[in-house]
């Protein structure tokens, strides 16, 4: 299950940290859970098995390639 931008939803007050922690705790063992979004709360990071932060190193936008529908837009 992918909870797209759930960390941002917490930061914006749309859901609580406790709600997201409950989802993590209630996840069946056979299910993979991916929670995306910047600025994860420390409690979410602590509960997670894996935390990754992606950082742009090189992007074709810097060479003037415009955003593409379905990819960046």
C-alpha atoms as a PDB file:
ATOM      1  CA  UNK A   1       0.000   0.000   0.000  1.00  0.00           C
ATOM      2  CA  UNK A   2       1.288   3.439  -0.894  1.00  0.00           C
ATOM      3  CA  UNK A   3       0.221   6.432   1.190  1.00  0.00           C
ATOM      4  CA  UNK A   4       1.239   9.123  -1.260  1.00  0.00           C
ATOM      5  CA  UNK A   5       2.300  12.386   0.449  1.00  0.00           C
ATOM      6  CA  UNK A   6       0.937  11.212   3.821  1.00  0.00           C
ATOM      7  CA  UNK A   7       3.800  12.969   5.622  1.00  0.00           C
ATOM      8  CA  UNK A   8       2.776  16.248   3.991  1.00  0.00           C
ATOM      9  CA  UNK A   9      -0.850  15.577   4.966  1.00  0.00           C
ATOM     10  CA  UNK A  10       0.318  15.340   8.583  1.00  0.00           C
ATOM     11  CA  UNK A  11       2.282  18.601   8.289  1.00  0.00           C
ATOM     12  CA  UNK A  12      -0.791  20.336   6.830  1.00  0.00           C
ATOM     13  CA  UNK A  13      -3.024  19.035   9.611  1.00  0.00           C
ATOM     14  CA  UNK A  14      -5.176  16.899   7.313  1.00  0.00           C
ATOM     15  CA  UNK A  15      -4.397  13.796   9.372  1.00  0.00           C
ATOM     16  CA  UNK A  16      -2.698  13.440  12.729  1.00  0.00           C
ATOM     17  CA  UNK A  17       0.601  11.787  13.539  1.00  0.00           C
ATOM     18  CA  UNK A  18      -1.391   9.419  15.758  1.00  0.00           C
ATOM     19  CA  UNK A  19      -3.619   8.407  12.819  1.00  0.00           C
ATOM     20  CA  UNK A  20      -0.589   7.623  10.684  1.00  0.00           C
ATOM     21  CA  UNK A  21       1.061   5.699  13.525  1.00  0.00           C
ATOM     22  CA  UNK A  22      -2.160   3.687  13.927  1.00  0.00           C
ATOM     23  CA  UNK A  23      -2.059   2.788  10.228  1.00  0.00           C
ATOM     24  CA  UNK A  24       1.560   1.653  10.569  1.00  0.00           C
ATOM     25  CA  UNK A  25       0.790  -0.394  13.684  1.00  0.00           C
ATOM     26  CA  UNK A  26      -2.296  -1.980  12.125  1.00  0.00           C
ATOM     27  CA  UNK A  27      -0.544  -3.054   8.940  1.00  0.00           C
ATOM     28  CA  UNK A  28      -0.656  -6.820   8.346  1.00  0.00           C
ATOM     29  CA  UNK A  29       2.776  -8.480   8.380  1.00  0.00           C
ATOM     30  CA  UNK A  30       2.471  -9.612   4.751  1.00  0.00           C
ATOM     31  CA  UNK A  31       1.810  -6.072   3.477  1.00  0.00           C
ATOM     32  CA  UNK A  32       4.418  -3.551   2.378  1.00  0.00           C
ATOM     33  CA  UNK A  33       3.605   0.025   3.370  1.00  0.00           C
ATOM     34  CA  UNK A  34       5.229   2.993   1.625  1.00  0.00           C
ATOM     35  CA  UNK A  35       4.644   6.463   3.058  1.00  0.00           C
ATOM     36  CA  UNK A  36       5.865   9.342   0.916  1.00  0.00           C
ATOM     37  CA  UNK A  37       6.265  13.067   1.473  1.00  0.00           C
ATOM     38  CA  UNK A  38       8.865  15.376   2.922  1.00  0.00           C
ATOM     39  CA  UNK A  39       9.212  16.348   6.517  1.00  0.00           C
ATOM     40  CA  UNK A  40       8.183  13.144   8.248  1.00  0.00           C
ATOM     41  CA  UNK A  41       7.481  13.591  11.942  1.00  0.00           C
ATOM     42  CA  UNK A  42      10.154  12.142  14.242  1.00  0.00           C
ATOM     43  CA  UNK A  43       7.605   9.634  15.578  1.00  0.00           C
ATOM     44  CA  UNK A  44       6.990   8.321  12.053  1.00  0.00           C
ATOM     45  CA  UNK A  45      10.718   8.053  11.350  1.00  0.00           C
ATOM     46  CA  UNK A  46      11.202   6.157  14.611  1.00  0.00           C
ATOM     47  CA  UNK A  47       8.430   3.676  13.769  1.00  0.00           C
ATOM     48  CA  UNK A  48       9.561   3.113  10.151  1.00  0.00           C
ATOM     49  CA  UNK A  49      11.762   0.230   9.056  1.00  0.00           C
ATOM     50  CA  UNK A  50      13.330   2.248   6.225  1.00  0.00           C
ATOM     51  CA  UNK A  51      13.633   6.011   5.723  1.00  0.00           C
ATOM     52  CA  UNK A  52      14.997   7.469   2.491  1.00  0.00           C
ATOM     53  CA  UNK A  53      15.576  11.076   1.498  1.00  0.00           C
ATOM     54  CA  UNK A  54      15.992  11.725  -2.212  1.00  0.00           C
ATOM     55  CA  UNK A  55      18.130  14.612  -3.382  1.00  0.00           C
ATOM     56  CA  UNK A  56      18.421  15.940  -6.908  1.00  0.00           C
ATOM     57  CA  UNK A  57      21.942  15.723  -8.265  1.00  0.00           C
ATOM     58  CA  UNK A  58      21.256  16.391 -11.929  1.00  0.00           C
ATOM     59  CA  UNK A  59      18.018  17.162 -13.767  1.00  0.00           C
ATOM     60  CA  UNK A  60      17.393  17.806 -17.461  1.00  0.00           C
ATOM     61  CA  UNK A  61      15.229  20.821 -16.498  1.00  0.00           C
ATOM     62  CA  UNK A  62      18.536  22.630 -15.824  1.00  0.00           C
ATOM     63  CA  UNK A  63      19.287  22.270 -19.569  1.00  0.00           C
ATOM     64  CA  UNK A  64      15.966  23.883 -20.523  1.00  0.00           C
ATOM     65  CA  UNK A  65      13.865  20.752 -21.053  1.00  0.00           C
ATOM     66  CA  UNK A  66      10.316  21.754 -20.075  1.00  0.00           C
ATOM     67  CA  UNK A  67       8.151  19.770 -17.663  1.00  0.00           C
ATOM     68  CA  UNK A  68       6.399  16.865 -19.396  1.00  0.00           C
ATOM     69  CA  UNK A  69       2.728  15.989 -18.963  1.00  0.00           C
ATOM     70  CA  UNK A  70       2.405  12.841 -16.874  1.00  0.00           C
ATOM     71  CA  UNK A  71       5.961  13.061 -15.547  1.00  0.00           C
ATOM     72  CA  UNK A  72       6.597  16.416 -13.857  1.00  0.00           C
ATOM     73  CA  UNK A  73       3.165  18.006 -14.431  1.00  0.00           C
END
